[in-house]
Amino acid sequence: LKHLDELENEFQFSVVSESVIFFV
């Protein structure tokens, strides 16, 4: 859950991509 919170806070979507995948 700590790792997931960190990834959420760091998240920035890019128009180059259509999807973002997290492995936690």
mmCIF file of all heavy atoms, coordinates in Angstrom:
data_MODEL
# 
_entry.id   MODEL 
# 
loop_
_atom_site.group_PDB 
_atom_site.id 
_atom_site.type_symbol 
_atom_site.label_atom_id 
_atom_site.label_alt_id 
_atom_site.label_comp_id 
_atom_site.label_asym_id 
_atom_site.label_entity_id 
_atom_site.label_seq_id 
_atom_site.pdbx_PDB_ins_code 
_atom_site.Cartn_x 
_atom_site.Cartn_y 
_atom_site.Cartn_z 
_atom_site.occupancy 
_atom_site.B_iso_or_equiv 
_atom_site.pdbx_formal_charge 
_atom_site.auth_seq_id 
_atom_site.auth_comp_id 
_atom_site.auth_asym_id 
_atom_site.auth_atom_id 
_atom_site.pdbx_PDB_model_num 
ATOM 1   N N   . LEU A 1 1  ? 0.824  -1.209 0.000   1.00 0.00 ? 1  LEU A N   1 
ATOM 2   C CA  . LEU A 1 1  ? 0.000  0.000  0.000   1.00 0.00 ? 1  LEU A CA  1 
ATOM 3   C C   . LEU A 1 1  ? 0.858  1.259  0.000   1.00 0.00 ? 1  LEU A C   1 
ATOM 4   O O   . LEU A 1 1  ? 0.511  2.267  -0.628  1.00 0.00 ? 1  LEU A O   1 
ATOM 5   C CB  . LEU A 1 1  ? -0.934 -0.008 1.213   1.00 0.00 ? 1  LEU A CB  1 
ATOM 6   C CG  . LEU A 1 1  ? -1.995 -1.119 1.199   1.00 0.00 ? 1  LEU A CG  1 
ATOM 7   C CD1 . LEU A 1 1  ? -2.745 -1.158 2.520   1.00 0.00 ? 1  LEU A CD1 1 
ATOM 8   C CD2 . LEU A 1 1  ? -2.971 -0.916 0.043   1.00 0.00 ? 1  LEU A CD2 1 
ATOM 9   N N   . LYS A 1 2  ? 1.983  1.190  0.699   1.00 0.00 ? 2  LYS A N   1 
ATOM 10  C CA  . LYS A 1 2  ? 2.914  2.323  0.710   1.00 0.00 ? 2  LYS A CA  1 
ATOM 11  C C   . LYS A 1 2  ? 3.476  2.560  -0.695  1.00 0.00 ? 2  LYS A C   1 
ATOM 12  O O   . LYS A 1 2  ? 3.537  3.694  -1.172  1.00 0.00 ? 2  LYS A O   1 
ATOM 13  C CB  . LYS A 1 2  ? 4.057  2.055  1.691   1.00 0.00 ? 2  LYS A CB  1 
ATOM 14  C CG  . LYS A 1 2  ? 5.120  3.151  1.767   1.00 0.00 ? 2  LYS A CG  1 
ATOM 15  C CD  . LYS A 1 2  ? 6.147  2.820  2.841   1.00 0.00 ? 2  LYS A CD  1 
ATOM 16  C CE  . LYS A 1 2  ? 7.227  3.895  2.911   1.00 0.00 ? 2  LYS A CE  1 
ATOM 17  N NZ  . LYS A 1 2  ? 8.079  3.902  1.697   1.00 0.00 ? 2  LYS A NZ  1 
ATOM 18  N N   . HIS A 1 3  ? 3.874  1.482  -1.351  1.00 0.00 ? 3  HIS A N   1 
ATOM 19  C CA  . HIS A 1 3  ? 4.392  1.599  -2.713  1.00 0.00 ? 3  HIS A CA  1 
ATOM 20  C C   . HIS A 1 3  ? 3.330  2.146  -3.664  1.00 0.00 ? 3  HIS A C   1 
ATOM 21  O O   . HIS A 1 3  ? 3.627  2.962  -4.543  1.00 0.00 ? 3  HIS A O   1 
ATOM 22  C CB  . HIS A 1 3  ? 4.854  0.227  -3.211  1.00 0.00 ? 3  HIS A CB  1 
ATOM 23  C CG  . HIS A 1 3  ? 6.084  -0.266 -2.535  1.00 0.00 ? 3  HIS A CG  1 
ATOM 24  N ND1 . HIS A 1 3  ? 6.447  -1.598 -2.500  1.00 0.00 ? 3  HIS A ND1 1 
ATOM 25  C CD2 . HIS A 1 3  ? 7.055  0.398  -1.844  1.00 0.00 ? 3  HIS A CD2 1 
ATOM 26  C CE1 . HIS A 1 3  ? 7.577  -1.729 -1.842  1.00 0.00 ? 3  HIS A CE1 1 
ATOM 27  N NE2 . HIS A 1 3  ? 7.959  -0.540 -1.431  1.00 0.00 ? 3  HIS A NE2 1 
ATOM 28  N N   . LEU A 1 4  ? 2.105  1.702  -3.481  1.00 0.00 ? 4  LEU A N   1 
ATOM 29  C CA  . LEU A 1 4  ? 1.022  2.161  -4.347  1.00 0.00 ? 4  LEU A CA  1 
ATOM 30  C C   . LEU A 1 4  ? 0.753  3.650  -4.158  1.00 0.00 ? 4  LEU A C   1 
ATOM 31  O O   . LEU A 1 4  ? 0.532  4.388  -5.131  1.00 0.00 ? 4  LEU A O   1 
ATOM 32  C CB  . LEU A 1 4  ? -0.242 1.350  -4.058  1.00 0.00 ? 4  LEU A CB  1 
ATOM 33  C CG  . LEU A 1 4  ? -1.367 1.424  -5.085  1.00 0.00 ? 4  LEU A CG  1 
ATOM 34  C CD1 . LEU A 1 4  ? -0.866 0.981  -6.450  1.00 0.00 ? 4  LEU A CD1 1 
ATOM 35  C CD2 . LEU A 1 4  ? -2.539 0.572  -4.647  1.00 0.00 ? 4  LEU A CD2 1 
ATOM 36  N N   . ASP A 1 5  ? 0.794  4.107  -2.919  1.00 0.00 ? 5  ASP A N   1 
ATOM 37  C CA  . ASP A 1 5  ? 0.626  5.538  -2.653  1.00 0.00 ? 5  ASP A CA  1 
ATOM 38  C C   . ASP A 1 5  ? 1.731  6.356  -3.310  1.00 0.00 ? 5  ASP A C   1 
ATOM 39  O O   . ASP A 1 5  ? 1.483  7.438  -3.867  1.00 0.00 ? 5  ASP A O   1 
ATOM 40  C CB  . ASP A 1 5  ? 0.630  5.794  -1.142  1.00 0.00 ? 5  ASP A CB  1 
ATOM 41  C CG  . ASP A 1 5  ? -0.665 5.376  -0.478  1.00 0.00 ? 5  ASP A CG  1 
ATOM 42  O OD1 . ASP A 1 5  ? -1.669 5.231  -1.195  1.00 0.00 ? 5  ASP A OD1 1 
ATOM 43  O OD2 . ASP A 1 5  ? -0.670 5.177  0.746   1.00 0.00 ? 5  ASP A OD2 1 
ATOM 44  N N   . GLU A 1 6  ? 2.954  5.839  -3.255  1.00 0.00 ? 6  GLU A N   1 
ATOM 45  C CA  . GLU A 1 6  ? 4.075  6.558  -3.858  1.00 0.00 ? 6  GLU A CA  1 
ATOM 46  C C   . GLU A 1 6  ? 3.918  6.658  -5.372  1.00 0.00 ? 6  GLU A C   1 
ATOM 47  O O   . GLU A 1 6  ? 4.170  7.713  -5.971  1.00 0.00 ? 6  GLU A O   1 
ATOM 48  C CB  . GLU A 1 6  ? 5.384  5.841  -3.513  1.00 0.00 ? 6  GLU A CB  1 
ATOM 49  C CG  . GLU A 1 6  ? 5.763  5.951  -2.039  1.00 0.00 ? 6  GLU A CG  1 
ATOM 50  C CD  . GLU A 1 6  ? 6.929  5.047  -1.667  1.00 0.00 ? 6  GLU A CD  1 
ATOM 51  O OE1 . GLU A 1 6  ? 7.329  4.210  -2.507  1.00 0.00 ? 6  GLU A OE1 1 
ATOM 52  O OE2 . GLU A 1 6  ? 7.431  5.170  -0.531  1.00 0.00 ? 6  GLU A OE2 1 
ATOM 53  N N   . LEU A 1 7  ? 3.504  5.570  -5.992  1.00 0.00 ? 7  LEU A N   1 
ATOM 54  C CA  . LEU A 1 7  ? 3.303  5.591  -7.435  1.00 0.00 ? 7  LEU A CA  1 
ATOM 55  C C   . LEU A 1 7  ? 2.178  6.542  -7.831  1.00 0.00 ? 7  LEU A C   1 
ATOM 56  O O   . LEU A 1 7  ? 2.266  7.236  -8.849  1.00 0.00 ? 7  LEU A O   1 
ATOM 57  C CB  . LEU A 1 7  ? 3.005  4.179  -7.949  1.00 0.00 ? 7  LEU A CB  1 
ATOM 58  C CG  . LEU A 1 7  ? 4.194  3.218  -7.988  1.00 0.00 ? 7  LEU A CG  1 
ATOM 59  C CD1 . LEU A 1 7  ? 3.729  1.817  -8.346  1.00 0.00 ? 7  LEU A CD1 1 
ATOM 60  C CD2 . LEU A 1 7  ? 5.237  3.690  -8.990  1.00 0.00 ? 7  LEU A CD2 1 
ATOM 61  N N   . GLU A 1 8  ? 1.127  6.577  -7.019  1.00 0.00 ? 8  GLU A N   1 
ATOM 62  C CA  . GLU A 1 8  ? 0.018  7.490  -7.319  1.00 0.00 ? 8  GLU A CA  1 
ATOM 63  C C   . GLU A 1 8  ? 0.488  8.938  -7.254  1.00 0.00 ? 8  GLU A C   1 
ATOM 64  O O   . GLU A 1 8  ? 0.141  9.758  -8.109  1.00 0.00 ? 8  GLU A O   1 
ATOM 65  C CB  . GLU A 1 8  ? -1.128 7.270  -6.337  1.00 0.00 ? 8  GLU A CB  1 
ATOM 66  C CG  . GLU A 1 8  ? -2.321 8.181  -6.623  1.00 0.00 ? 8  GLU A CG  1 
ATOM 67  C CD  . GLU A 1 8  ? -3.424 8.038  -5.580  1.00 0.00 ? 8  GLU A CD  1 
ATOM 68  O OE1 . GLU A 1 8  ? -3.216 7.353  -4.567  1.00 0.00 ? 8  GLU A OE1 1 
ATOM 69  O OE2 . GLU A 1 8  ? -4.497 8.627  -5.799  1.00 0.00 ? 8  GLU A OE2 1 
ATOM 70  N N   . ASN A 1 9  ? 1.302  9.249  -6.254  1.00 0.00 ? 9  ASN A N   1 
ATOM 71  C CA  . ASN A 1 9  ? 1.792  10.618 -6.103  1.00 0.00 ? 9  ASN A CA  1 
ATOM 72  C C   . ASN A 1 9  ? 2.752  11.017 -7.224  1.00 0.00 ? 9  ASN A C   1 
ATOM 73  O O   . ASN A 1 9  ? 2.830  12.187 -7.609  1.00 0.00 ? 9  ASN A O   1 
ATOM 74  C CB  . ASN A 1 9  ? 2.485  10.780 -4.752  1.00 0.00 ? 9  ASN A CB  1 
ATOM 75  C CG  . ASN A 1 9  ? 1.514  10.685 -3.588  1.00 0.00 ? 9  ASN A CG  1 
ATOM 76  O OD1 . ASN A 1 9  ? 0.336  11.003 -3.728  1.00 0.00 ? 9  ASN A OD1 1 
ATOM 77  N ND2 . ASN A 1 9  ? 1.994  10.232 -2.439  1.00 0.00 ? 9  ASN A ND2 1 
ATOM 78  N N   . GLU A 1 10 ? 3.474  10.026 -7.746  1.00 0.00 ? 10 GLU A N   1 
ATOM 79  C CA  . GLU A 1 10 ? 4.449  10.295 -8.804  1.00 0.00 ? 10 GLU A CA  1 
ATOM 80  C C   . GLU A 1 10 ? 3.823  10.291 -10.197 1.00 0.00 ? 10 GLU A C   1 
ATOM 81  O O   . GLU A 1 10 ? 4.461  10.692 -11.170 1.00 0.00 ? 10 GLU A O   1 
ATOM 82  C CB  . GLU A 1 10 ? 5.564  9.241  -8.773  1.00 0.00 ? 10 GLU A CB  1 
ATOM 83  C CG  . GLU A 1 10 ? 6.368  9.236  -7.478  1.00 0.00 ? 10 GLU A CG  1 
ATOM 84  C CD  . GLU A 1 10 ? 7.178  7.957  -7.313  1.00 0.00 ? 10 GLU A CD  1 
ATOM 85  O OE1 . GLU A 1 10 ? 7.100  7.080  -8.213  1.00 0.00 ? 10 GLU A OE1 1 
ATOM 86  O OE2 . GLU A 1 10 ? 7.882  7.830  -6.298  1.00 0.00 ? 10 GLU A OE2 1 
ATOM 87  N N   . PHE A 1 11 ? 2.592  9.870  -10.285 1.00 0.00 ? 11 PHE A N   1 
ATOM 88  C CA  . PHE A 1 11 ? 1.977  9.596  -11.583 1.00 0.00 ? 11 PHE A CA  1 
ATOM 89  C C   . PHE A 1 11 ? 1.813  10.852 -12.421 1.00 0.00 ? 11 PHE A C   1 
ATOM 90  O O   . PHE A 1 11 ? 1.289  11.858 -11.980 1.00 0.00 ? 11 PHE A O   1 
ATOM 91  C CB  . PHE A 1 11 ? 0.610  8.942  -11.358 1.00 0.00 ? 11 PHE A CB  1 
ATOM 92  C CG  . PHE A 1 11 ? -0.189 8.735  -12.615 1.00 0.00 ? 11 PHE A CG  1 
ATOM 93  C CD1 . PHE A 1 11 ? 0.179  7.768  -13.528 1.00 0.00 ? 11 PHE A CD1 1 
ATOM 94  C CD2 . PHE A 1 11 ? -1.313 9.507  -12.891 1.00 0.00 ? 11 PHE A CD2 1 
ATOM 95  C CE1 . PHE A 1 11 ? -0.556 7.570  -14.688 1.00 0.00 ? 11 PHE A CE1 1 
ATOM 96  C CE2 . PHE A 1 11 ? -2.054 9.316  -14.044 1.00 0.00 ? 11 PHE A CE2 1 
ATOM 97  C CZ  . PHE A 1 11 ? -1.671 8.343  -14.944 1.00 0.00 ? 11 PHE A CZ  1 
ATOM 98  N N   . GLN A 1 12 ? 2.280  10.781 -13.685 1.00 0.00 ? 12 GLN A N   1 
ATOM 99  C CA  . GLN A 1 12 ? 2.053  11.830 -14.668 1.00 0.00 ? 12 GLN A CA  1 
ATOM 100 C C   . GLN A 1 12 ? 1.723  11.149 -15.983 1.00 0.00 ? 12 GLN A C   1 
ATOM 101 O O   . GLN A 1 12 ? 2.538  10.401 -16.525 1.00 0.00 ? 12 GLN A O   1 
ATOM 102 C CB  . GLN A 1 12 ? 3.294  12.712 -14.851 1.00 0.00 ? 12 GLN A CB  1 
ATOM 103 C CG  . GLN A 1 12 ? 3.609  13.592 -13.656 1.00 0.00 ? 12 GLN A CG  1 
ATOM 104 C CD  . GLN A 1 12 ? 2.583  14.699 -13.466 1.00 0.00 ? 12 GLN A CD  1 
ATOM 105 O OE1 . GLN A 1 12 ? 1.999  15.167 -14.439 1.00 0.00 ? 12 GLN A OE1 1 
ATOM 106 N NE2 . GLN A 1 12 ? 2.364  15.115 -12.236 1.00 0.00 ? 12 GLN A NE2 1 
ATOM 107 N N   . PHE A 1 13 ? 0.528  11.398 -16.514 1.00 0.00 ? 13 PHE A N   1 
ATOM 108 C CA  . PHE A 1 13 ? 0.147  10.754 -17.767 1.00 0.00 ? 13 PHE A CA  1 
ATOM 109 C C   . PHE A 1 13 ? 0.776  11.489 -18.940 1.00 0.00 ? 13 PHE A C   1 
ATOM 110 O O   . PHE A 1 13 ? 0.937  12.691 -18.911 1.00 0.00 ? 13 PHE A O   1 
ATOM 111 C CB  . PHE A 1 13 ? -1.370 10.748 -17.926 1.00 0.00 ? 13 PHE A CB  1 
ATOM 112 C CG  . PHE A 1 13 ? -1.854 9.768  -18.958 1.00 0.00 ? 13 PHE A CG  1 
ATOM 113 C CD1 . PHE A 1 13 ? -2.028 8.437  -18.623 1.00 0.00 ? 13 PHE A CD1 1 
ATOM 114 C CD2 . PHE A 1 13 ? -2.101 10.169 -20.249 1.00 0.00 ? 13 PHE A CD2 1 
ATOM 115 C CE1 . PHE A 1 13 ? -2.466 7.524  -19.559 1.00 0.00 ? 13 PHE A CE1 1 
ATOM 116 C CE2 . PHE A 1 13 ? -2.534 9.269  -21.199 1.00 0.00 ? 13 PHE A CE2 1 
ATOM 117 C CZ  . PHE A 1 13 ? -2.720 7.944  -20.850 1.00 0.00 ? 13 PHE A CZ  1 
ATOM 118 N N   . SER A 1 14 ? 1.174  10.742 -19.984 1.00 0.00 ? 14 SER A N   1 
ATOM 119 C CA  . SER A 1 14 ? 1.770  11.314 -21.183 1.00 0.00 ? 14 SER A CA  1 
ATOM 120 C C   . SER A 1 14 ? 0.899  11.005 -22.382 1.00 0.00 ? 14 SER A C   1 
ATOM 121 O O   . SER A 1 14 ? 0.435  9.877  -22.532 1.00 0.00 ? 14 SER A O   1 
ATOM 122 C CB  . SER A 1 14 ? 3.179  10.740 -21.412 1.00 0.00 ? 14 SER A CB  1 
ATOM 123 O OG  . SER A 1 14 ? 3.658  11.104 -22.689 1.00 0.00 ? 14 SER A OG  1 
ATOM 124 N N   . VAL A 1 15 ? 0.716  12.003 -23.256 1.00 0.00 ? 15 VAL A N   1 
ATOM 125 C CA  . VAL A 1 15 ? -0.102 11.762 -24.446 1.00 0.00 ? 15 VAL A CA  1 
ATOM 126 C C   . VAL A 1 15 ? 0.584  10.835 -25.434 1.00 0.00 ? 15 VAL A C   1 
ATOM 127 O O   . VAL A 1 15 ? -0.032 10.331 -26.358 1.00 0.00 ? 15 VAL A O   1 
ATOM 128 C CB  . VAL A 1 15 ? -0.468 13.084 -25.148 1.00 0.00 ? 15 VAL A CB  1 
ATOM 129 C CG1 . VAL A 1 15 ? -1.361 13.923 -24.289 1.00 0.00 ? 15 VAL A CG1 1 
ATOM 130 C CG2 . VAL A 1 15 ? 0.777  13.856 -25.573 1.00 0.00 ? 15 VAL A CG2 1 
ATOM 131 N N   . VAL A 1 16 ? 1.899  10.616 -25.258 1.00 0.00 ? 16 VAL A N   1 
ATOM 132 C CA  . VAL A 1 16 ? 2.578  9.644  -26.101 1.00 0.00 ? 16 VAL A CA  1 
ATOM 133 C C   . VAL A 1 16 ? 2.058  8.244  -25.824 1.00 0.00 ? 16 VAL A C   1 
ATOM 134 O O   . VAL A 1 16 ? 2.023  7.383  -26.689 1.00 0.00 ? 16 VAL A O   1 
ATOM 135 C CB  . VAL A 1 16 ? 4.105  9.696  -25.875 1.00 0.00 ? 16 VAL A CB  1 
ATOM 136 C CG1 . VAL A 1 16 ? 4.810  8.604  -26.659 1.00 0.00 ? 16 VAL A CG1 1 
ATOM 137 C CG2 . VAL A 1 16 ? 4.654  11.061 -26.258 1.00 0.00 ? 16 VAL A CG2 1 
ATOM 138 N N   . SER A 1 17 ? 1.644  8.011  -24.592 1.00 0.00 ? 17 SER A N   1 
ATOM 139 C CA  . SER A 1 17 ? 1.165  6.703  -24.184 1.00 0.00 ? 17 SER A CA  1 
ATOM 140 C C   . SER A 1 17 ? -0.353 6.671  -24.168 1.00 0.00 ? 17 SER A C   1 
ATOM 141 O O   . SER A 1 17 ? -1.014 7.687  -24.012 1.00 0.00 ? 17 SER A O   1 
ATOM 142 C CB  . SER A 1 17 ? 1.693  6.377  -22.793 1.00 0.00 ? 17 SER A CB  1 
ATOM 143 O OG  . SER A 1 17 ? 3.094  6.477  -22.745 1.00 0.00 ? 17 SER A OG  1 
ATOM 144 N N   . GLU A 1 18 ? -0.900 5.485  -24.324 1.00 0.00 ? 18 GLU A N   1 
ATOM 145 C CA  . GLU A 1 18 ? -2.336 5.311  -24.192 1.00 0.00 ? 18 GLU A CA  1 
ATOM 146 C C   . GLU A 1 18 ? -2.685 4.589  -22.899 1.00 0.00 ? 18 GLU A C   1 
ATOM 147 O O   . GLU A 1 18 ? -3.838 4.573  -22.503 1.00 0.00 ? 18 GLU A O   1 
ATOM 148 C CB  . GLU A 1 18 ? -2.877 4.548  -25.405 1.00 0.00 ? 18 GLU A CB  1 
ATOM 149 C CG  . GLU A 1 18 ? -2.808 5.369  -26.672 1.00 0.00 ? 18 GLU A CG  1 
ATOM 150 C CD  . GLU A 1 18 ? -3.580 4.749  -27.817 1.00 0.00 ? 18 GLU A CD  1 
ATOM 151 O OE1 . GLU A 1 18 ? -4.228 3.708  -27.605 1.00 0.00 ? 18 GLU A OE1 1 
ATOM 152 O OE2 . GLU A 1 18 ? -3.531 5.301  -28.921 1.00 0.00 ? 18 GLU A OE2 1 
ATOM 153 N N   . SER A 1 19 ? -1.703 3.966  -22.257 1.00 0.00 ? 19 SER A N   1 
ATOM 154 C CA  . SER A 1 19 ? -1.956 3.249  -21.009 1.00 0.00 ? 19 SER A CA  1 
ATOM 155 C C   . SER A 1 19 ? -0.722 3.306  -20.109 1.00 0.00 ? 19 SER A C   1 
ATOM 156 O O   . SER A 1 19 ? 0.403  3.438  -20.594 1.00 0.00 ? 19 SER A O   1 
ATOM 157 C CB  . SER A 1 19 ? -2.305 1.778  -21.276 1.00 0.00 ? 19 SER A CB  1 
ATOM 158 O OG  . SER A 1 19 ? -3.412 1.659  -22.138 1.00 0.00 ? 19 SER A OG  1 
ATOM 159 N N   . VAL A 1 20 ? -0.976 3.206  -18.823 1.00 0.00 ? 20 VAL A N   1 
ATOM 160 C CA  . VAL A 1 20 ? 0.097  3.082  -17.833 1.00 0.00 ? 20 VAL A CA  1 
ATOM 161 C C   . VAL A 1 20 ? -0.184 1.842  -17.004 1.00 0.00 ? 20 VAL A C   1 
ATOM 162 O O   . VAL A 1 20 ? -1.326 1.599  -16.613 1.00 0.00 ? 20 VAL A O   1 
ATOM 163 C CB  . VAL A 1 20 ? 0.182  4.322  -16.919 1.00 0.00 ? 20 VAL A CB  1 
ATOM 164 C CG1 . VAL A 1 20 ? 1.329  4.171  -15.930 1.00 0.00 ? 20 VAL A CG1 1 
ATOM 165 C CG2 . VAL A 1 20 ? 0.352  5.587  -17.740 1.00 0.00 ? 20 VAL A CG2 1 
ATOM 166 N N   . ILE A 1 21 ? 0.863  1.039  -16.766 1.00 0.00 ? 21 ILE A N   1 
ATOM 167 C CA  . ILE A 1 21 ? 0.712  -0.213 -16.037 1.00 0.00 ? 21 ILE A CA  1 
ATOM 168 C C   . ILE A 1 21 ? 1.594  -0.178 -14.798 1.00 0.00 ? 21 ILE A C   1 
ATOM 169 O O   . ILE A 1 21 ? 2.779  0.171  -14.871 1.00 0.00 ? 21 ILE A O   1 
ATOM 170 C CB  . ILE A 1 21 ? 1.092  -1.416 -16.926 1.00 0.00 ? 21 ILE A CB  1 
ATOM 171 C CG1 . ILE A 1 21 ? 0.246  -1.393 -18.194 1.00 0.00 ? 21 ILE A CG1 1 
ATOM 172 C CG2 . ILE A 1 21 ? 0.903  -2.729 -16.177 1.00 0.00 ? 21 ILE A CG2 1 
ATOM 173 C CD1 . ILE A 1 21 ? 0.667  -2.407 -19.235 1.00 0.00 ? 21 ILE A CD1 1 
ATOM 174 N N   . PHE A 1 22 ? 1.014  -0.539 -13.660 1.00 0.00 ? 22 PHE A N   1 
ATOM 175 C CA  . PHE A 1 22 ? 1.736  -0.579 -12.397 1.00 0.00 ? 22 PHE A CA  1 
ATOM 176 C C   . PHE A 1 22 ? 1.907  -2.027 -11.945 1.00 0.00 ? 22 PHE A C   1 
ATOM 177 O O   . PHE A 1 22 ? 0.967  -2.821 -12.020 1.00 0.00 ? 22 PHE A O   1 
ATOM 178 C CB  . PHE A 1 22 ? 0.957  0.183  -11.314 1.00 0.00 ? 22 PHE A CB  1 
ATOM 179 C CG  . PHE A 1 22 ? 0.762  1.646  -11.606 1.00 0.00 ? 22 PHE A CG  1 
ATOM 180 C CD1 . PHE A 1 22 ? -0.356 2.090  -12.307 1.00 0.00 ? 22 PHE A CD1 1 
ATOM 181 C CD2 . PHE A 1 22 ? 1.681  2.590  -11.180 1.00 0.00 ? 22 PHE A CD2 1 
ATOM 182 C CE1 . PHE A 1 22 ? -0.545 3.428  -12.579 1.00 0.00 ? 22 PHE A CE1 1 
ATOM 183 C CE2 . PHE A 1 22 ? 1.498  3.931  -11.449 1.00 0.00 ? 22 PHE A CE2 1 
ATOM 184 C CZ  . PHE A 1 22 ? 0.391  4.357  -12.146 1.00 0.00 ? 22 PHE A CZ  1 
ATOM 185 N N   . PHE A 1 23 ? 3.100  -2.343 -11.467 1.00 0.00 ? 23 PHE A N   1 
ATOM 186 C CA  . PHE A 1 23 ? 3.390  -3.643 -10.856 1.00 0.00 ? 23 PHE A CA  1 
ATOM 187 C C   . PHE A 1 23 ? 3.826  -3.366 -9.425  1.00 0.00 ? 23 PHE A C   1 
ATOM 188 O O   . PHE A 1 23 ? 4.866  -2.740 -9.197  1.00 0.00 ? 23 PHE A O   1 
ATOM 189 C CB  . PHE A 1 23 ? 4.495  -4.368 -11.619 1.00 0.00 ? 23 PHE A CB  1 
ATOM 190 C CG  . PHE A 1 23 ? 4.188  -4.596 -13.078 1.00 0.00 ? 23 PHE A CG  1 
ATOM 191 C CD1 . PHE A 1 23 ? 4.712  -3.740 -14.050 1.00 0.00 ? 23 PHE A CD1 1 
ATOM 192 C CD2 . PHE A 1 23 ? 3.386  -5.644 -13.478 1.00 0.00 ? 23 PHE A CD2 1 
ATOM 193 C CE1 . PHE A 1 23 ? 4.434  -3.943 -15.395 1.00 0.00 ? 23 PHE A CE1 1 
ATOM 194 C CE2 . PHE A 1 23 ? 3.092  -5.864 -14.824 1.00 0.00 ? 23 PHE A CE2 1 
ATOM 195 C CZ  . PHE A 1 23 ? 3.623  -5.005 -15.775 1.00 0.00 ? 23 PHE A CZ  1 
ATOM 196 N N   . VAL A 1 24 ? 3.038  -3.839 -8.455  1.00 0.00 ? 24 VAL A N   1 
ATOM 197 C CA  . VAL A 1 24 ? 3.275  -3.464 -7.065  1.00 0.00 ? 24 VAL A CA  1 
ATOM 198 C C   . VAL A 1 24 ? 3.135  -4.684 -6.158  1.00 0.00 ? 24 VAL A C   1 
ATOM 199 O O   . VAL A 1 24 ? 2.192  -5.470 -6.300  1.00 0.00 ? 24 VAL A O   1 
ATOM 200 C CB  . VAL A 1 24 ? 2.280  -2.373 -6.599  1.00 0.00 ? 24 VAL A CB  1 
ATOM 201 C CG1 . VAL A 1 24 ? 2.688  -1.840 -5.232  1.00 0.00 ? 24 VAL A CG1 1 
ATOM 202 C CG2 . VAL A 1 24 ? 2.189  -1.243 -7.607  1.00 0.00 ? 24 VAL A CG2 1 
# 
